[in-house]
Amino acid sequence: IKIIEGMAMGKPIITTSIGIEGIECVAGQDV
C-alpha cells in the first residue's frame, strides 16, 4: 500500500521485483 500511496502522490518509485508483486504496473514506465 505504501508504494500505491507514493504513486498517488506522484513520487518516482524505485523498488524490487518483490516490491511490486500484486501491483499490475509496468516496470520502467510506472516504477
Full PDB file with SEQRES, HELIX, SHEET, SSBOND, CRYST1, ORIGX, SCALE, CONECT and MASTER records, all heavy atoms in Angstrom:
SEQRES   1 A   31  ILE LYS ILE ILE GLU GLY MET ALA MET GLY LYS PRO ILE          
SEQRES   2 A   31  ILE THR THR SER ILE GLY ILE GLU GLY ILE GLU CYS VAL          
SEQRES   3 A   31  ALA GLY GLN ASP VAL                                          
HELIX    1 AA1 LYS A    2  ALA A    8  1                                   7    
CRYST1    1.000    1.000    1.000  90.00  90.00  90.00 P 1           1          
ORIGX1      1.000000  0.000000  0.000000        0.00000                         
ORIGX2      0.000000  1.000000  0.000000        0.00000                         
ORIGX3      0.000000  0.000000  1.000000        0.00000                         
SCALE1      1.000000  0.000000  0.000000        0.00000                         
SCALE2      0.000000  1.000000  0.000000        0.00000                         
SCALE3      0.000000  0.000000  1.000000        0.00000                         
ATOM      1  N   ILE A   1       0.814  -1.216   0.000  1.00  0.00           N  
ATOM      2  CA  ILE A   1       0.000   0.000   0.000  1.00  0.00           C  
ATOM      3  C   ILE A   1       0.847   1.266   0.000  1.00  0.00           C  
ATOM      4  O   ILE A   1       0.465   2.270  -0.600  1.00  0.00           O  
ATOM      5  CB  ILE A   1      -1.015  -0.006   1.177  1.00  0.00           C  
ATOM      6  CG1 ILE A   1      -2.071   1.090   0.995  1.00  0.00           C  
ATOM      7  CG2 ILE A   1      -0.327   0.136   2.513  1.00  0.00           C  
ATOM      8  CD1 ILE A   1      -2.993   0.875  -0.158  1.00  0.00           C  
ATOM      9  N   LYS A   2       2.001   1.269   0.637  1.00  0.00           N  
ATOM     10  CA  LYS A   2       2.843   2.470   0.647  1.00  0.00           C  
ATOM     11  C   LYS A   2       3.346   2.786  -0.757  1.00  0.00           C  
ATOM     12  O   LYS A   2       3.506   3.956  -1.108  1.00  0.00           O  
ATOM     13  CB  LYS A   2       4.009   2.332   1.621  1.00  0.00           C  
ATOM     14  CG  LYS A   2       3.592   2.370   3.072  1.00  0.00           C  
ATOM     15  CD  LYS A   2       2.946   3.691   3.412  1.00  0.00           C  
ATOM     16  CE  LYS A   2       2.503   3.740   4.859  1.00  0.00           C  
ATOM     17  NZ  LYS A   2       1.560   4.814   5.119  1.00  0.00           N  
ATOM     18  N   ILE A   3       3.597   1.765  -1.576  1.00  0.00           N  
ATOM     19  CA  ILE A   3       4.000   2.016  -2.961  1.00  0.00           C  
ATOM     20  C   ILE A   3       2.852   2.690  -3.705  1.00  0.00           C  
ATOM     21  O   ILE A   3       3.052   3.674  -4.418  1.00  0.00           O  
ATOM     22  CB  ILE A   3       4.453   0.717  -3.663  1.00  0.00           C  
ATOM     23  CG1 ILE A   3       5.767   0.232  -3.056  1.00  0.00           C  
ATOM     24  CG2 ILE A   3       4.585   0.935  -5.175  1.00  0.00           C  
ATOM     25  CD1 ILE A   3       6.263  -1.090  -3.598  1.00  0.00           C  
ATOM     26  N   ILE A   4       1.655   2.176  -3.526  1.00  0.00           N  
ATOM     27  CA  ILE A   4       0.487   2.773  -4.185  1.00  0.00           C  
ATOM     28  C   ILE A   4       0.264   4.202  -3.680  1.00  0.00           C  
ATOM     29  O   ILE A   4      -0.032   5.101  -4.465  1.00  0.00           O  
ATOM     30  CB  ILE A   4      -0.762   1.899  -3.982  1.00  0.00           C  
ATOM     31  CG1 ILE A   4      -0.553   0.557  -4.685  1.00  0.00           C  
ATOM     32  CG2 ILE A   4      -2.014   2.596  -4.498  1.00  0.00           C  
ATOM     33  CD1 ILE A   4      -1.545  -0.508  -4.321  1.00  0.00           C  
ATOM     34  N   GLU A   5       0.427   4.426  -2.386  1.00  0.00           N  
ATOM     35  CA  GLU A   5       0.295   5.789  -1.853  1.00  0.00           C  
ATOM     36  C   GLU A   5       1.346   6.712  -2.470  1.00  0.00           C  
ATOM     37  O   GLU A   5       1.038   7.848  -2.837  1.00  0.00           O  
ATOM     38  CB  GLU A   5       0.446   5.782  -0.333  1.00  0.00           C  
ATOM     39  CG  GLU A   5      -0.735   5.206   0.394  1.00  0.00           C  
ATOM     40  CD  GLU A   5      -0.521   5.141   1.904  1.00  0.00           C  
ATOM     41  OE1 GLU A   5       0.572   5.491   2.401  1.00  0.00           O  
ATOM     42  OE2 GLU A   5      -1.457   4.736   2.595  1.00  0.00           O  
ATOM     43  N   GLY A   6       2.580   6.237  -2.587  1.00  0.00           N  
ATOM     44  CA  GLY A   6       3.635   7.030  -3.208  1.00  0.00           C  
ATOM     45  C   GLY A   6       3.326   7.339  -4.660  1.00  0.00           C  
ATOM     46  O   GLY A   6       3.544   8.455  -5.135  1.00  0.00           O  
ATOM     47  N   MET A   7       2.796   6.349  -5.367  1.00  0.00           N  
ATOM     48  CA  MET A   7       2.417   6.562  -6.764  1.00  0.00           C  
ATOM     49  C   MET A   7       1.313   7.615  -6.852  1.00  0.00           C  
ATOM     50  O   MET A   7       1.356   8.495  -7.711  1.00  0.00           O  
ATOM     51  CB  MET A   7       1.978   5.244  -7.404  1.00  0.00           C  
ATOM     52  CG  MET A   7       3.102   4.239  -7.544  1.00  0.00           C  
ATOM     53  SD  MET A   7       2.539   2.644  -8.160  1.00  0.00           S  
ATOM     54  CE  MET A   7       2.672   2.949  -9.936  1.00  0.00           C  
ATOM     55  N   ALA A   8       0.335   7.537  -5.964  1.00  0.00           N  
ATOM     56  CA  ALA A   8      -0.764   8.505  -5.963  1.00  0.00           C  
ATOM     57  C   ALA A   8      -0.253   9.921  -5.682  1.00  0.00           C  
ATOM     58  O   ALA A   8      -0.825  10.897  -6.165  1.00  0.00           O  
ATOM     59  CB  ALA A   8      -1.819   8.107  -4.937  1.00  0.00           C  
ATOM     60  N   MET A   9       0.839  10.014  -4.931  1.00  0.00           N  
ATOM     61  CA  MET A   9       1.449  11.312  -4.647  1.00  0.00           C  
ATOM     62  C   MET A   9       2.351  11.778  -5.794  1.00  0.00           C  
ATOM     63  O   MET A   9       2.913  12.868  -5.737  1.00  0.00           O  
ATOM     64  CB  MET A   9       2.270  11.225  -3.356  1.00  0.00           C  
ATOM     65  CG  MET A   9       1.433  11.010  -2.118  1.00  0.00           C  
ATOM     66  SD  MET A   9       2.443  10.634  -0.654  1.00  0.00           S  
ATOM     67  CE  MET A   9       3.322  12.172  -0.449  1.00  0.00           C  
ATOM     68  N   GLY A  10       2.481  10.940  -6.814  1.00  0.00           N  
ATOM     69  CA  GLY A  10       3.327  11.295  -7.944  1.00  0.00           C  
ATOM     70  C   GLY A  10       4.808  11.159  -7.665  1.00  0.00           C  
ATOM     71  O   GLY A  10       5.620  11.876  -8.233  1.00  0.00           O  
ATOM     72  N   LYS A  11       5.160  10.223  -6.802  1.00  0.00           N  
ATOM     73  CA  LYS A  11       6.563  10.008  -6.469  1.00  0.00           C  
ATOM     74  C   LYS A  11       7.185   9.011  -7.451  1.00  0.00           C  
ATOM     75  O   LYS A  11       6.599   7.963  -7.730  1.00  0.00           O  
ATOM     76  CB  LYS A  11       6.706   9.421  -5.056  1.00  0.00           C  
ATOM     77  CG  LYS A  11       6.362  10.385  -3.966  1.00  0.00           C  
ATOM     78  CD  LYS A  11       7.399  11.458  -3.874  1.00  0.00           C  
ATOM     79  CE  LYS A  11       7.116  12.442  -2.779  1.00  0.00           C  
ATOM     80  NZ  LYS A  11       8.121  13.479  -2.710  1.00  0.00           N  
ATOM     81  N   PRO A  12       8.371   9.311  -7.961  1.00  0.00           N  
ATOM     82  CA  PRO A  12       9.101   8.278  -8.696  1.00  0.00           C  
ATOM     83  C   PRO A  12       9.471   7.170  -7.700  1.00  0.00           C  
ATOM     84  O   PRO A  12      10.012   7.456  -6.633  1.00  0.00           O  
ATOM     85  CB  PRO A  12      10.354   8.997  -9.189  1.00  0.00           C  
ATOM     86  CG  PRO A  12      10.036  10.453  -9.119  1.00  0.00           C  
ATOM     87  CD  PRO A  12       9.070  10.593  -7.973  1.00  0.00           C  
ATOM     88  N   ILE A  13       9.145   5.937  -8.037  1.00  0.00           N  
ATOM     89  CA  ILE A  13       9.364   4.801  -7.143  1.00  0.00           C  
ATOM     90  C   ILE A  13      10.492   3.937  -7.689  1.00  0.00           C  
ATOM     91  O   ILE A  13      10.483   3.577  -8.865  1.00  0.00           O  
ATOM     92  CB  ILE A  13       8.095   3.920  -7.034  1.00  0.00           C  
ATOM     93  CG1 ILE A  13       6.847   4.743  -6.707  1.00  0.00           C  
ATOM     94  CG2 ILE A  13       8.305   2.768  -6.064  1.00  0.00           C  
ATOM     95  CD1 ILE A  13       6.741   5.269  -5.329  1.00  0.00           C  
ATOM     96  N   ILE A  14      11.430   3.581  -6.812  1.00  0.00           N  
ATOM     97  CA  ILE A  14      12.436   2.584  -7.141  1.00  0.00           C  
ATOM     98  C   ILE A  14      12.237   1.457  -6.148  1.00  0.00           C  
ATOM     99  O   ILE A  14      12.306   1.655  -4.929  1.00  0.00           O  
ATOM    100  CB  ILE A  14      13.869   3.139  -7.041  1.00  0.00           C  
ATOM    101  CG1 ILE A  14      14.048   4.332  -7.988  1.00  0.00           C  
ATOM    102  CG2 ILE A  14      14.886   2.034  -7.357  1.00  0.00           C  
ATOM    103  CD1 ILE A  14      15.380   5.047  -7.840  1.00  0.00           C  
ATOM    104  N   THR A  15      11.960   0.259  -6.666  1.00  0.00           N  
ATOM    105  CA  THR A  15      11.683  -0.890  -5.814  1.00  0.00           C  
ATOM    106  C   THR A  15      12.256  -2.148  -6.450  1.00  0.00           C  
ATOM    107  O   THR A  15      12.902  -2.092  -7.488  1.00  0.00           O  
ATOM    108  CB  THR A  15      10.173  -1.013  -5.529  1.00  0.00           C  
ATOM    109  OG1 THR A  15       9.960  -2.005  -4.511  1.00  0.00           O  
ATOM    110  CG2 THR A  15       9.385  -1.365  -6.777  1.00  0.00           C  
ATOM    111  N   THR A  16      11.976  -3.264  -5.826  1.00  0.00           N  
ATOM    112  CA  THR A  16      12.423  -4.563  -6.321  1.00  0.00           C  
ATOM    113  C   THR A  16      11.262  -5.265  -7.029  1.00  0.00           C  
ATOM    114  O   THR A  16      10.113  -4.836  -6.929  1.00  0.00           O  
ATOM    115  CB  THR A  16      12.885  -5.450  -5.156  1.00  0.00           C  
ATOM    116  OG1 THR A  16      11.768  -5.638  -4.267  1.00  0.00           O  
ATOM    117  CG2 THR A  16      14.050  -4.827  -4.406  1.00  0.00           C  
ATOM    118  N   SER A  17      11.581  -6.356  -7.691  1.00  0.00           N  
ATOM    119  CA  SER A  17      10.523  -7.175  -8.310  1.00  0.00           C  
ATOM    120  C   SER A  17       9.534  -7.641  -7.252  1.00  0.00           C  
ATOM    121  O   SER A  17       8.324  -7.673  -7.489  1.00  0.00           O  
ATOM    122  CB  SER A  17      11.142  -8.373  -9.023  1.00  0.00           C  
ATOM    123  OG  SER A  17      11.993  -7.949 -10.049  1.00  0.00           O  
ATOM    124  N   ILE A  18      10.030  -7.998  -6.086  1.00  0.00           N  
ATOM    125  CA  ILE A  18       9.152  -8.412  -4.983  1.00  0.00           C  
ATOM    126  C   ILE A  18       8.318  -7.227  -4.505  1.00  0.00           C  
ATOM    127  O   ILE A  18       7.160  -7.383  -4.132  1.00  0.00           O  
ATOM    128  CB  ILE A  18       9.974  -9.024  -3.834  1.00  0.00           C  
ATOM    129  CG1 ILE A  18      10.571 -10.358  -4.287  1.00  0.00           C  
ATOM    130  CG2 ILE A  18       9.127  -9.211  -2.581  1.00  0.00           C  
ATOM    131  CD1 ILE A  18      11.556 -10.975  -3.327  1.00  0.00           C  
ATOM    132  N   GLY A  19       8.887  -6.042  -4.547  1.00  0.00           N  
ATOM    133  CA  GLY A  19       8.180  -4.847  -4.097  1.00  0.00           C  
ATOM    134  C   GLY A  19       6.914  -4.548  -4.871  1.00  0.00           C  
ATOM    135  O   GLY A  19       5.968  -3.993  -4.327  1.00  0.00           O  
ATOM    136  N   ILE A  20       6.884  -4.905  -6.162  1.00  0.00           N  
ATOM    137  CA  ILE A  20       5.680  -4.613  -6.949  1.00  0.00           C  
ATOM    138  C   ILE A  20       4.787  -5.830  -7.164  1.00  0.00           C  
ATOM    139  O   ILE A  20       3.806  -5.740  -7.901  1.00  0.00           O  
ATOM    140  CB  ILE A  20       6.006  -3.945  -8.305  1.00  0.00           C  
ATOM    141  CG1 ILE A  20       6.849  -4.836  -9.193  1.00  0.00           C  
ATOM    142  CG2 ILE A  20       6.587  -2.578  -8.105  1.00  0.00           C  
ATOM    143  CD1 ILE A  20       6.869  -4.398 -10.647  1.00  0.00           C  
ATOM    144  N   GLU A  21       5.113  -6.947  -6.502  1.00  0.00           N  
ATOM    145  CA  GLU A  21       4.208  -8.091  -6.613  1.00  0.00           C  
ATOM    146  C   GLU A  21       2.821  -7.681  -6.131  1.00  0.00           C  
ATOM    147  O   GLU A  21       2.673  -7.055  -5.094  1.00  0.00           O  
ATOM    148  CB  GLU A  21       4.718  -9.271  -5.779  1.00  0.00           C  
ATOM    149  CG  GLU A  21       5.872  -9.990  -6.415  1.00  0.00           C  
ATOM    150  CD  GLU A  21       6.351 -11.174  -5.597  1.00  0.00           C  
ATOM    151  OE1 GLU A  21       5.851 -11.403  -4.475  1.00  0.00           O  
ATOM    152  OE2 GLU A  21       7.262 -11.860  -6.079  1.00  0.00           O  
ATOM    153  N   GLY A  22       1.819  -8.017  -6.899  1.00  0.00           N  
ATOM    154  CA  GLY A  22       0.447  -7.660  -6.552  1.00  0.00           C  
ATOM    155  C   GLY A  22       0.017  -6.309  -7.097  1.00  0.00           C  
ATOM    156  O   GLY A  22      -1.146  -5.940  -6.979  1.00  0.00           O  
ATOM    157  N   ILE A  23       0.936  -5.556  -7.668  1.00  0.00           N  
ATOM    158  CA  ILE A  23       0.628  -4.262  -8.269  1.00  0.00           C  
ATOM    159  C   ILE A  23       0.885  -4.409  -9.763  1.00  0.00           C  
ATOM    160  O   ILE A  23       2.014  -4.625 -10.174  1.00  0.00           O  
ATOM    161  CB  ILE A  23       1.503  -3.134  -7.685  1.00  0.00           C  
ATOM    162  CG1 ILE A  23       1.339  -3.053  -6.166  1.00  0.00           C  
ATOM    163  CG2 ILE A  23       1.148  -1.795  -8.334  1.00  0.00           C  
ATOM    164  CD1 ILE A  23       2.317  -2.097  -5.493  1.00  0.00           C  
ATOM    165  N   GLU A  24      -0.141  -4.303 -10.563  1.00  0.00           N  
ATOM    166  CA  GLU A  24      -0.031  -4.567 -12.003  1.00  0.00           C  
ATOM    167  C   GLU A  24       0.478  -3.351 -12.784  1.00  0.00           C  
ATOM    168  O   GLU A  24      -0.119  -2.944 -13.767  1.00  0.00           O  
ATOM    169  CB  GLU A  24      -1.389  -5.035 -12.552  1.00  0.00           C  
ATOM    170  CG  GLU A  24      -1.894  -6.321 -11.930  1.00  0.00           C  
ATOM    171  CD  GLU A  24      -0.999  -7.514 -12.237  1.00  0.00           C  
ATOM    172  OE1 GLU A  24      -0.481  -7.608 -13.360  1.00  0.00           O  
ATOM    173  OE2 GLU A  24      -0.810  -8.348 -11.329  1.00  0.00           O  
ATOM    174  N   CYS A  25       1.580  -2.797 -12.334  1.00  0.00           N  
ATOM    175  CA  CYS A  25       2.163  -1.646 -13.027  1.00  0.00           C  
ATOM    176  C   CYS A  25       3.248  -2.118 -13.995  1.00  0.00           C  
ATOM    177  O   CYS A  25       3.617  -3.287 -13.998  1.00  0.00           O  
ATOM    178  CB  CYS A  25       2.722  -0.643 -12.020  1.00  0.00           C  
ATOM    179  SG  CYS A  25       4.028  -1.293 -10.990  1.00  0.00           S  
ATOM    180  N   VAL A  26       3.732  -1.203 -14.803  1.00  0.00           N  
ATOM    181  CA  VAL A  26       4.730  -1.525 -15.816  1.00  0.00           C  
ATOM    182  C   VAL A  26       6.098  -1.031 -15.350  1.00  0.00           C  
ATOM    183  O   VAL A  26       6.300   0.174 -15.160  1.00  0.00           O  
ATOM    184  CB  VAL A  26       4.369  -0.881 -17.181  1.00  0.00           C  
ATOM    185  CG1 VAL A  26       5.437  -1.165 -18.212  1.00  0.00           C  
ATOM    186  CG2 VAL A  26       2.999  -1.372 -17.645  1.00  0.00           C  
ATOM    187  N   ALA A  27       7.019  -1.969 -15.157  1.00  0.00           N  
ATOM    188  CA  ALA A  27       8.381  -1.615 -14.761  1.00  0.00           C  
ATOM    189  C   ALA A  27       9.037  -0.810 -15.876  1.00  0.00           C  
ATOM    190  O   ALA A  27       8.895  -1.120 -17.053  1.00  0.00           O  
ATOM    191  CB  ALA A  27       9.179  -2.875 -14.466  1.00  0.00           C  
ATOM    192  N   GLY A  28       9.728   0.237 -15.509  1.00  0.00           N  
ATOM    193  CA  GLY A  28      10.371   1.106 -16.484  1.00  0.00           C  
ATOM    194  C   GLY A  28       9.481   2.235 -16.966  1.00  0.00           C  
ATOM    195  O   GLY A  28       9.949   3.204 -17.541  1.00  0.00           O  
ATOM    196  N   GLN A  29       8.193   2.098 -16.726  1.00  0.00           N  
ATOM    197  CA  GLN A  29       7.228   3.135 -17.123  1.00  0.00           C  
ATOM    198  C   GLN A  29       6.578   3.773 -15.895  1.00  0.00           C  
ATOM    199  O   GLN A  29       6.543   4.994 -15.782  1.00  0.00           O  
ATOM    200  CB  GLN A  29       6.145   2.532 -18.010  1.00  0.00           C  
ATOM    201  CG  GLN A  29       5.018   3.481 -18.366  1.00  0.00           C  
ATOM    202  CD  GLN A  29       3.942   2.794 -19.186  1.00  0.00           C  
ATOM    203  OE1 GLN A  29       4.246   2.179 -20.203  1.00  0.00           O  
ATOM    204  NE2 GLN A  29       2.706   2.886 -18.739  1.00  0.00           N  
ATOM    205  N   ASP A  30       6.057   2.933 -15.001  1.00  0.00           N  
ATOM    206  CA  ASP A  30       5.369   3.420 -13.809  1.00  0.00           C  
ATOM    207  C   ASP A  30       6.294   3.453 -12.589  1.00  0.00           C  
ATOM    208  O   ASP A  30       6.110   4.266 -11.688  1.00  0.00           O  
ATOM    209  CB  ASP A  30       4.158   2.539 -13.491  1.00  0.00           C  
ATOM    210  CG  ASP A  30       3.182   2.452 -14.653  1.00  0.00           C  
ATOM    211  OD1 ASP A  30       2.947   3.486 -15.307  1.00  0.00           O  
ATOM    212  OD2 ASP A  30       2.656   1.352 -14.914  1.00  0.00           O  
ATOM    213  N   VAL A  31       7.230   2.530 -12.531  1.00  0.00           N  
ATOM    214  CA  VAL A  31       8.220   2.423 -11.460  1.00  0.00           C  
ATOM    215  C   VAL A  31       9.536   1.957 -12.083  1.00  0.00           C  
ATOM    216  O   VAL A  31       9.550   1.462 -13.209  1.00  0.00           O  
ATOM    217  CB  VAL A  31       7.797   1.408 -10.370  1.00  0.00           C  
ATOM    218  CG1 VAL A  31       6.494   1.794  -9.710  1.00  0.00           C  
ATOM    219  CG2 VAL A  31       7.717   0.000 -10.923  1.00  0.00           C  
TER     220      VAL A  31                                                      
MASTER        0    0    0    1    0    0    0    6  219    1    0    3          
END                                                                             
